[in-house]
Amino acid sequence: MFFQDDEKGHVIIGEAALHLALAQKEITVMSLIAELGRMAVDHSGDARLLELSEARNWLRTFITPGITRQPVPYLQNFVSLNEDKN
C-alpha cells in the first residue's frame, strides 16, 4: 500500500499540521517532518510509530535540494483559515 493512498497517513499529517497551527508556527514540509518526529517520541505503540515514520518518509519526497521551506499545497488551507481569524 502506498502512503499517499492511506487515509491514516493523511490524518497523522493533519494532526501534525494542527499542532503547528495551534502553536502559531509556519506549516512547511520541514516543520511537519520535525513535528512528526516530536510526535514519535511520545508514540503509544509500534503501529503508530510506523505510521509516523511512513509519514515523515513520504513528506521527504517533497523536499527539493536547496529549498527547505517548501509549503505543502493542500495544507495551506490551515494557514489561510488561521489568517482569517487575525
PDB file of N, CA and C in Angstrom:
ATOM      1  N   MET A   1       0.858  -1.173   0.000  1.00  0.00           N
ATOM      2  CA  MET A   1       0.000   0.000   0.000  1.00  0.00           C
ATOM      3  C   MET A   1       0.904   1.236   0.000  1.00  0.00           C
ATOM      4  N   PHE A   2       0.559   2.212  -0.832  1.00  0.00           N
ATOM      5  CA  PHE A   2       1.300   3.466  -0.876  1.00  0.00           C
ATOM      6  C   PHE A   2       0.783   4.398   0.196  1.00  0.00           C
ATOM      7  N   PHE A   3       1.703   5.141   0.807  1.00  0.00           N
ATOM      8  CA  PHE A   3       1.328   6.034   1.900  1.00  0.00           C
ATOM      9  C   PHE A   3       0.275   7.054   1.457  1.00  0.00           C
ATOM     10  N   GLN A   4       0.448   7.643   0.266  1.00  0.00           N
ATOM     11  CA  GLN A   4      -0.484   8.682  -0.161  1.00  0.00           C
ATOM     12  C   GLN A   4      -1.904   8.151  -0.348  1.00  0.00           C
ATOM     13  N   ASP A   5      -2.066   6.848  -0.443  1.00  0.00           N
ATOM     14  CA  ASP A   5      -3.387   6.242  -0.545  1.00  0.00           C
ATOM     15  C   ASP A   5      -3.930   5.832   0.821  1.00  0.00           C
ATOM     16  N   ASP A   6      -3.155   6.054   1.849  1.00  0.00           N
ATOM     17  CA  ASP A   6      -3.505   5.629   3.195  1.00  0.00           C
ATOM     18  C   ASP A   6      -4.179   6.767   3.950  1.00  0.00           C
ATOM     19  N   GLU A   7      -5.442   6.598   4.282  1.00  0.00           N
ATOM     20  CA  GLU A   7      -6.198   7.648   4.976  1.00  0.00           C
ATOM     21  C   GLU A   7      -5.597   7.965   6.339  1.00  0.00           C
ATOM     22  N   LYS A   8      -5.078   6.965   7.049  1.00  0.00           N
ATOM     23  CA  LYS A   8      -4.460   7.202   8.353  1.00  0.00           C
ATOM     24  C   LYS A   8      -3.249   8.116   8.218  1.00  0.00           C
ATOM     25  N   GLY A   9      -2.517   7.974   7.133  1.00  0.00           N
ATOM     26  CA  GLY A   9      -1.353   8.817   6.896  1.00  0.00           C
ATOM     27  C   GLY A   9      -1.737  10.273   6.787  1.00  0.00           C
ATOM     28  N   HIS A  10      -2.823  10.535   6.093  1.00  0.00           N
ATOM     29  CA  HIS A  10      -3.292  11.913   5.960  1.00  0.00           C
ATOM     30  C   HIS A  10      -3.753  12.459   7.311  1.00  0.00           C
ATOM     31  N   VAL A  11      -4.341  11.622   8.115  1.00  0.00           N
ATOM     32  CA  VAL A  11      -4.793  12.048   9.440  1.00  0.00           C
ATOM     33  C   VAL A  11      -3.594  12.421  10.307  1.00  0.00           C
ATOM     34  N   ILE A  12      -2.536  11.640  10.238  1.00  0.00           N
ATOM     35  CA  ILE A  12      -1.350  11.914  11.048  1.00  0.00           C
ATOM     36  C   ILE A  12      -0.701  13.227  10.608  1.00  0.00           C
ATOM     37  N   ILE A  13      -0.620  13.456   9.310  1.00  0.00           N
ATOM     38  CA  ILE A  13      -0.055  14.712   8.822  1.00  0.00           C
ATOM     39  C   ILE A  13      -0.960  15.869   9.223  1.00  0.00           C
ATOM     40  N   GLY A  14      -2.265  15.662   9.175  1.00  0.00           N
ATOM     41  CA  GLY A  14      -3.207  16.686   9.620  1.00  0.00           C
ATOM     42  C   GLY A  14      -3.053  16.985  11.102  1.00  0.00           C
ATOM     43  N   GLU A  15      -2.791  15.952  11.886  1.00  0.00           N
ATOM     44  CA  GLU A  15      -2.575  16.126  13.326  1.00  0.00           C
ATOM     45  C   GLU A  15      -1.322  16.971  13.566  1.00  0.00           C
ATOM     46  N   ALA A  16      -0.265  16.674  12.831  1.00  0.00           N
ATOM     47  CA  ALA A  16       0.974  17.454  12.956  1.00  0.00           C
ATOM     48  C   ALA A  16       0.738  18.898  12.524  1.00  0.00           C
ATOM     49  N   ALA A  17      -0.007  19.089  11.441  1.00  0.00           N
ATOM     50  CA  ALA A  17      -0.308  20.446  10.963  1.00  0.00           C
ATOM     51  C   ALA A  17      -1.136  21.208  11.989  1.00  0.00           C
ATOM     52  N   LEU A  18      -2.073  20.537  12.618  1.00  0.00           N
ATOM     53  CA  LEU A  18      -2.901  21.184  13.639  1.00  0.00           C
ATOM     54  C   LEU A  18      -2.052  21.608  14.832  1.00  0.00           C
ATOM     55  N   HIS A  19      -1.125  20.744  15.262  1.00  0.00           N
ATOM     56  CA  HIS A  19      -0.217  21.104  16.360  1.00  0.00           C
ATOM     57  C   HIS A  19       0.546  22.371  16.014  1.00  0.00           C
ATOM     58  N   LEU A  20       1.064  22.430  14.779  1.00  0.00           N
ATOM     59  CA  LEU A  20       1.823  23.605  14.353  1.00  0.00           C
ATOM     60  C   LEU A  20       0.935  24.845  14.293  1.00  0.00           C
ATOM     61  N   ALA A  21      -0.263  24.690  13.740  1.00  0.00           N
ATOM     62  CA  ALA A  21      -1.176  25.832  13.614  1.00  0.00           C
ATOM     63  C   ALA A  21      -1.579  26.366  14.984  1.00  0.00           C
ATOM     64  N   LEU A  22      -1.886  25.485  15.910  1.00  0.00           N
ATOM     65  CA  LEU A  22      -2.277  25.921  17.252  1.00  0.00           C
ATOM     66  C   LEU A  22      -1.125  26.611  17.987  1.00  0.00           C
ATOM     67  N   ALA A  23       0.103  26.234  17.646  1.00  0.00           N
ATOM     68  CA  ALA A  23       1.275  26.869  18.235  1.00  0.00           C
ATOM     69  C   ALA A  23       1.684  28.107  17.435  1.00  0.00           C
ATOM     70  N   GLN A  24       0.877  28.436  16.424  1.00  0.00           N
ATOM     71  CA  GLN A  24       1.110  29.583  15.542  1.00  0.00           C
ATOM     72  C   GLN A  24       2.480  29.507  14.879  1.00  0.00           C
ATOM     73  N   LYS A  25       2.839  28.305  14.445  1.00  0.00           N
ATOM     74  CA  LYS A  25       4.088  28.076  13.731  1.00  0.00           C
ATOM     75  C   LYS A  25       3.791  27.881  12.256  1.00  0.00           C
ATOM     76  N   GLU A  26       4.782  28.161  11.440  1.00  0.00           N
ATOM     77  CA  GLU A  26       4.638  28.003   9.999  1.00  0.00           C
ATOM     78  C   GLU A  26       4.510  26.521   9.646  1.00  0.00           C
ATOM     79  N   ILE A  27       3.644  26.225   8.695  1.00  0.00           N
ATOM     80  CA  ILE A  27       3.435  24.848   8.256  1.00  0.00           C
ATOM     81  C   ILE A  27       4.153  24.666   6.929  1.00  0.00           C
ATOM     82  N   THR A  28       5.273  23.943   6.984  1.00  0.00           N
ATOM     83  CA  THR A  28       6.064  23.626   5.794  1.00  0.00           C
ATOM     84  C   THR A  28       6.388  22.141   5.841  1.00  0.00           C
ATOM     85  N   VAL A  29       6.972  21.657   4.771  1.00  0.00           N
ATOM     86  CA  VAL A  29       7.382  20.251   4.743  1.00  0.00           C
ATOM     87  C   VAL A  29       8.352  19.977   5.891  1.00  0.00           C
ATOM     88  N   MET A  30       9.330  20.847   6.064  1.00  0.00           N
ATOM     89  CA  MET A  30      10.334  20.627   7.108  1.00  0.00           C
ATOM     90  C   MET A  30       9.727  20.712   8.512  1.00  0.00           C
ATOM     91  N   SER A  31       8.824  21.667   8.731  1.00  0.00           N
ATOM     92  CA  SER A  31       8.225  21.777  10.063  1.00  0.00           C
ATOM     93  C   SER A  31       7.312  20.585  10.349  1.00  0.00           C
ATOM     94  N   LEU A  32       6.643  20.066   9.325  1.00  0.00           N
ATOM     95  CA  LEU A  32       5.813  18.872   9.505  1.00  0.00           C
ATOM     96  C   LEU A  32       6.675  17.659   9.848  1.00  0.00           C
ATOM     97  N   ILE A  33       7.792  17.503   9.157  1.00  0.00           N
ATOM     98  CA  ILE A  33       8.698  16.386   9.447  1.00  0.00           C
ATOM     99  C   ILE A  33       9.202  16.488  10.883  1.00  0.00           C
ATOM    100  N   ALA A  34       9.572  17.693  11.300  1.00  0.00           N
ATOM    101  CA  ALA A  34      10.054  17.890  12.672  1.00  0.00           C
ATOM    102  C   ALA A  34       8.956  17.587  13.693  1.00  0.00           C
ATOM    103  N   GLU A  35       7.741  18.046  13.418  1.00  0.00           N
ATOM    104  CA  GLU A  35       6.629  17.804  14.342  1.00  0.00           C
ATOM    105  C   GLU A  35       6.309  16.312  14.427  1.00  0.00           C
ATOM    106  N   LEU A  36       6.339  15.620  13.303  1.00  0.00           N
ATOM    107  CA  LEU A  36       6.112  14.175  13.311  1.00  0.00           C
ATOM    108  C   LEU A  36       7.195  13.471  14.125  1.00  0.00           C
ATOM    109  N   GLY A  37       8.414  13.991  14.073  1.00  0.00           N
ATOM    110  CA  GLY A  37       9.492  13.442  14.890  1.00  0.00           C
ATOM    111  C   GLY A  37       9.219  13.621  16.370  1.00  0.00           C
ATOM    112  N   ARG A  38       8.724  14.815  16.738  1.00  0.00           N
ATOM    113  CA  ARG A  38       8.374  15.048  18.147  1.00  0.00           C
ATOM    114  C   ARG A  38       7.226  14.136  18.574  1.00  0.00           C
ATOM    115  N   MET A  39       6.270  13.938  17.682  1.00  0.00           N
ATOM    116  CA  MET A  39       5.147  13.053  17.992  1.00  0.00           C
ATOM    117  C   MET A  39       5.627  11.611  18.179  1.00  0.00           C
ATOM    118  N   ALA A  40       6.664  11.216  17.436  1.00  0.00           N
ATOM    119  CA  ALA A  40       7.186   9.850  17.533  1.00  0.00           C
ATOM    120  C   ALA A  40       7.817   9.603  18.896  1.00  0.00           C
ATOM    121  N   VAL A  41       8.375  10.644  19.494  1.00  0.00           N
ATOM    122  CA  VAL A  41       8.973  10.498  20.819  1.00  0.00           C
ATOM    123  C   VAL A  41       7.905  10.099  21.831  1.00  0.00           C
ATOM    124  N   ASP A  42       6.690  10.602  21.644  1.00  0.00           N
ATOM    125  CA  ASP A  42       5.587  10.312  22.559  1.00  0.00           C
ATOM    126  C   ASP A  42       4.670   9.205  22.039  1.00  0.00           C
ATOM    127  N   HIS A  43       5.169   8.368  21.109  1.00  0.00           N
ATOM    128  CA  HIS A  43       4.309   7.360  20.483  1.00  0.00           C
ATOM    129  C   HIS A  43       3.706   6.423  21.521  1.00  0.00           C
ATOM    130  N   SER A  44       2.568   5.852  21.173  1.00  0.00           N
ATOM    131  CA  SER A  44       1.863   4.981  22.107  1.00  0.00           C
ATOM    132  C   SER A  44       1.824   3.536  21.632  1.00  0.00           C
ATOM    133  N   GLY A  45       2.651   3.209  20.676  1.00  0.00           N
ATOM    134  CA  GLY A  45       2.676   1.829  20.206  1.00  0.00           C
ATOM    135  C   GLY A  45       3.466   1.709  18.917  1.00  0.00           C
ATOM    136  N   ASP A  46       3.832   0.482  18.594  1.00  0.00           N
ATOM    137  CA  ASP A  46       4.637   0.243  17.410  1.00  0.00           C
ATOM    138  C   ASP A  46       3.914   0.616  16.120  1.00  0.00           C
ATOM    139  N   ALA A  47       2.599   0.380  16.063  1.00  0.00           N
ATOM    140  CA  ALA A  47       1.837   0.701  14.854  1.00  0.00           C
ATOM    141  C   ALA A  47       1.855   2.207  14.596  1.00  0.00           C
ATOM    142  N   ARG A  48       1.659   2.995  15.644  1.00  0.00           N
ATOM    143  CA  ARG A  48       1.681   4.462  15.496  1.00  0.00           C
ATOM    144  C   ARG A  48       3.081   4.938  15.113  1.00  0.00           C
ATOM    145  N   LEU A  49       4.099   4.366  15.716  1.00  0.00           N
ATOM    146  CA  LEU A  49       5.468   4.738  15.391  1.00  0.00           C
ATOM    147  C   LEU A  49       5.764   4.461  13.921  1.00  0.00           C
ATOM    148  N   LEU A  50       5.279   3.351  13.409  1.00  0.00           N
ATOM    149  CA  LEU A  50       5.451   3.017  11.998  1.00  0.00           C
ATOM    150  C   LEU A  50       4.718   4.022  11.116  1.00  0.00           C
ATOM    151  N   GLU A  51       3.503   4.388  11.481  1.00  0.00           N
ATOM    152  CA  GLU A  51       2.735   5.367  10.710  1.00  0.00           C
ATOM    153  C   GLU A  51       3.434   6.718  10.685  1.00  0.00           C
ATOM    154  N   LEU A  52       3.986   7.134  11.819  1.00  0.00           N
ATOM    155  CA  LEU A  52       4.712   8.403  11.885  1.00  0.00           C
ATOM    156  C   LEU A  52       5.957   8.360  11.000  1.00  0.00           C
ATOM    157  N   SER A  53       6.652   7.241  11.020  1.00  0.00           N
ATOM    158  CA  SER A  53       7.842   7.079  10.197  1.00  0.00           C
ATOM    159  C   SER A  53       7.489   7.123   8.712  1.00  0.00           C
ATOM    160  N   GLU A  54       6.427   6.440   8.336  1.00  0.00           N
ATOM    161  CA  GLU A  54       5.991   6.444   6.938  1.00  0.00           C
ATOM    162  C   GLU A  54       5.581   7.845   6.491  1.00  0.00           C
ATOM    163  N   ALA A  55       4.925   8.588   7.369  1.00  0.00           N
ATOM    164  CA  ALA A  55       4.518   9.952   7.037  1.00  0.00           C
ATOM    165  C   ALA A  55       5.739  10.836   6.818  1.00  0.00           C
ATOM    166  N   ARG A  56       6.733  10.717   7.685  1.00  0.00           N
ATOM    167  CA  ARG A  56       7.963  11.503   7.515  1.00  0.00           C
ATOM    168  C   ARG A  56       8.661  11.136   6.222  1.00  0.00           C
ATOM    169  N   ASN A  57       8.749   9.855   5.930  1.00  0.00           N
ATOM    170  CA  ASN A  57       9.397   9.415   4.691  1.00  0.00           C
ATOM    171  C   ASN A  57       8.656   9.945   3.472  1.00  0.00           C
ATOM    172  N   TRP A  58       7.341   9.922   3.499  1.00  0.00           N
ATOM    173  CA  TRP A  58       6.547  10.426   2.379  1.00  0.00           C
ATOM    174  C   TRP A  58       6.772  11.926   2.204  1.00  0.00           C
ATOM    175  N   LEU A  59       6.774  12.664   3.294  1.00  0.00           N
ATOM    176  CA  LEU A  59       6.996  14.107   3.206  1.00  0.00           C
ATOM    177  C   LEU A  59       8.384  14.433   2.672  1.00  0.00           C
ATOM    178  N   ARG A  60       9.358  13.614   2.989  1.00  0.00           N
ATOM    179  CA  ARG A  60      10.728  13.856   2.492  1.00  0.00           C
ATOM    180  C   ARG A  60      10.792  13.846   0.972  1.00  0.00           C
ATOM    181  N   THR A  61       9.849  13.175   0.313  1.00  0.00           N
ATOM    182  CA  THR A  61       9.856  13.153  -1.149  1.00  0.00           C
ATOM    183  C   THR A  61       9.519  14.519  -1.731  1.00  0.00           C
ATOM    184  N   PHE A  62       9.020  15.434  -0.905  1.00  0.00           N
ATOM    185  CA  PHE A  62       8.666  16.772  -1.369  1.00  0.00           C
ATOM    186  C   PHE A  62       9.765  17.796  -1.122  1.00  0.00           C
ATOM    187  N   ILE A  63      10.859  17.347  -0.517  1.00  0.00           N
ATOM    188  CA  ILE A  63      11.966  18.263  -0.260  1.00  0.00           C
ATOM    189  C   ILE A  63      12.787  18.403  -1.535  1.00  0.00           C
ATOM    190  N   THR A  64      12.939  19.638  -1.971  1.00  0.00           N
ATOM    191  CA  THR A  64      13.760  19.933  -3.131  1.00  0.00           C
ATOM    192  C   THR A  64      15.110  20.429  -2.622  1.00  0.00           C
ATOM    193  N   PRO A  65      16.204  19.896  -3.142  1.00  0.00           N
ATOM    194  CA  PRO A  65      17.512  20.374  -2.685  1.00  0.00           C
ATOM    195  C   PRO A  65      17.608  21.905  -2.791  1.00  0.00           C
ATOM    196  N   GLY A  66      18.052  22.509  -1.718  1.00  0.00           N
ATOM    197  CA  GLY A  66      18.193  23.958  -1.700  1.00  0.00           C
ATOM    198  C   GLY A  66      16.946  24.685  -1.225  1.00  0.00           C
ATOM    199  N   ILE A  67      15.823  23.991  -1.149  1.00  0.00           N
ATOM    200  CA  ILE A  67      14.584  24.604  -0.677  1.00  0.00           C
ATOM    201  C   ILE A  67      14.132  23.851   0.562  1.00  0.00           C
ATOM    202  N   THR A  68      14.292  24.472   1.727  1.00  0.00           N
ATOM    203  CA  THR A  68      13.920  23.785   2.963  1.00  0.00           C
ATOM    204  C   THR A  68      12.591  24.273   3.514  1.00  0.00           C
ATOM    205  N   ARG A  69      11.997  25.292   2.898  1.00  0.00           N
ATOM    206  CA  ARG A  69      10.742  25.826   3.406  1.00  0.00           C
ATOM    207  C   ARG A  69       9.619  25.631   2.388  1.00  0.00           C
ATOM    208  N   GLN A  70       9.626  24.529   1.706  1.00  0.00           N
ATOM    209  CA  GLN A  70       8.635  24.254   0.685  1.00  0.00           C
ATOM    210  C   GLN A  70       7.271  23.979   1.321  1.00  0.00           C
ATOM    211  N   PRO A  71       6.254  24.804   1.002  1.00  0.00           N
ATOM    212  CA  PRO A  71       4.937  24.574   1.590  1.00  0.00           C
ATOM    213  C   PRO A  71       4.239  23.359   0.973  1.00  0.00           C
ATOM    214  N   VAL A  72       3.350  22.774   1.721  1.00  0.00           N
ATOM    215  CA  VAL A  72       2.541  21.666   1.235  1.00  0.00           C
ATOM    216  C   VAL A  72       1.210  22.273   0.799  1.00  0.00           C
ATOM    217  N   PRO A  73       0.891  22.256  -0.505  1.00  0.00           N
ATOM    218  CA  PRO A  73      -0.274  22.994  -1.024  1.00  0.00           C
ATOM    219  C   PRO A  73      -1.590  22.723  -0.319  1.00  0.00           C
ATOM    220  N   TYR A  74      -1.962  21.466  -0.090  1.00  0.00           N
ATOM    221  CA  TYR A  74      -3.278  21.216   0.491  1.00  0.00           C
ATOM    222  C   TYR A  74      -3.336  21.600   1.957  1.00  0.00           C
ATOM    223  N   LEU A  75      -2.181  21.817   2.584  1.00  0.00           N
ATOM    224  CA  LEU A  75      -2.177  22.248   3.979  1.00  0.00           C
ATOM    225  C   LEU A  75      -2.235  23.767   4.104  1.00  0.00           C
ATOM    226  N   GLN A  76      -2.123  24.480   2.988  1.00  0.00           N
ATOM    227  CA  GLN A  76      -2.204  25.934   3.047  1.00  0.00           C
ATOM    228  C   GLN A  76      -3.588  26.388   3.488  1.00  0.00           C
ATOM    229  N   ASN A  77      -4.582  25.526   3.377  1.00  0.00           N
ATOM    230  CA  ASN A  77      -5.918  25.854   3.883  1.00  0.00           C
ATOM    231  C   ASN A  77      -5.879  26.135   5.376  1.00  0.00           C
ATOM    232  N   PHE A  78      -5.050  25.380   6.124  1.00  0.00           N
ATOM    233  CA  PHE A  78      -4.909  25.628   7.564  1.00  0.00           C
ATOM    234  C   PHE A  78      -4.362  27.026   7.801  1.00  0.00           C
ATOM    235  N   VAL A  79      -3.373  27.402   7.001  1.00  0.00           N
ATOM    236  CA  VAL A  79      -2.755  28.705   7.164  1.00  0.00           C
ATOM    237  C   VAL A  79      -3.759  29.809   6.859  1.00  0.00           C
ATOM    238  N   SER A  80      -4.496  29.674   5.765  1.00  0.00           N
ATOM    239  CA  SER A  80      -5.447  30.722   5.395  1.00  0.00           C
ATOM    240  C   SER A  80      -6.584  30.813   6.408  1.00  0.00           C
ATOM    241  N   LEU A  81      -7.010  29.702   6.956  1.00  0.00           N
ATOM    242  CA  LEU A  81      -8.057  29.743   7.979  1.00  0.00           C
ATOM    243  C   LEU A  81      -7.557  30.463   9.219  1.00  0.00           C
ATOM    244  N   ASN A  82      -6.313  30.219   9.588  1.00  0.00           N
ATOM    245  CA  ASN A  82      -5.719  30.860  10.753  1.00  0.00           C
ATOM    246  C   ASN A  82      -5.566  32.365  10.520  1.00  0.00           C
ATOM    247  N   GLU A  83      -5.196  32.762   9.298  1.00  0.00           N
ATOM    248  CA  GLU A  83      -5.009  34.175   8.979  1.00  0.00           C
ATOM    249  C   GLU A  83      -6.328  34.927   8.989  1.00  0.00           C
ATOM    250  N   ASP A  84      -7.423  34.272   8.618  1.00  0.00           N
ATOM    251  CA  ASP A  84      -8.732  34.920   8.588  1.00  0.00           C
ATOM    252  C   ASP A  84      -9.166  35.346   9.979  1.00  0.00           C
ATOM    253  N   LYS A  85      -8.713  34.639  11.009  1.00  0.00           N
ATOM    254  CA  LYS A  85      -9.115  34.957  12.379  1.00  0.00           C
ATOM    255  C   LYS A  85      -8.368  36.166  12.927  1.00  0.00           C
ATOM    256  N   ASN A  86      -7.193  36.460  12.368  1.00  0.00           N
ATOM    257  CA  ASN A  86      -6.378  37.574  12.891  1.00  0.00           C
ATOM    258  C   ASN A  86      -6.754  38.866  12.286  1.00  0.00           C
TER     259      ASN A  86
END
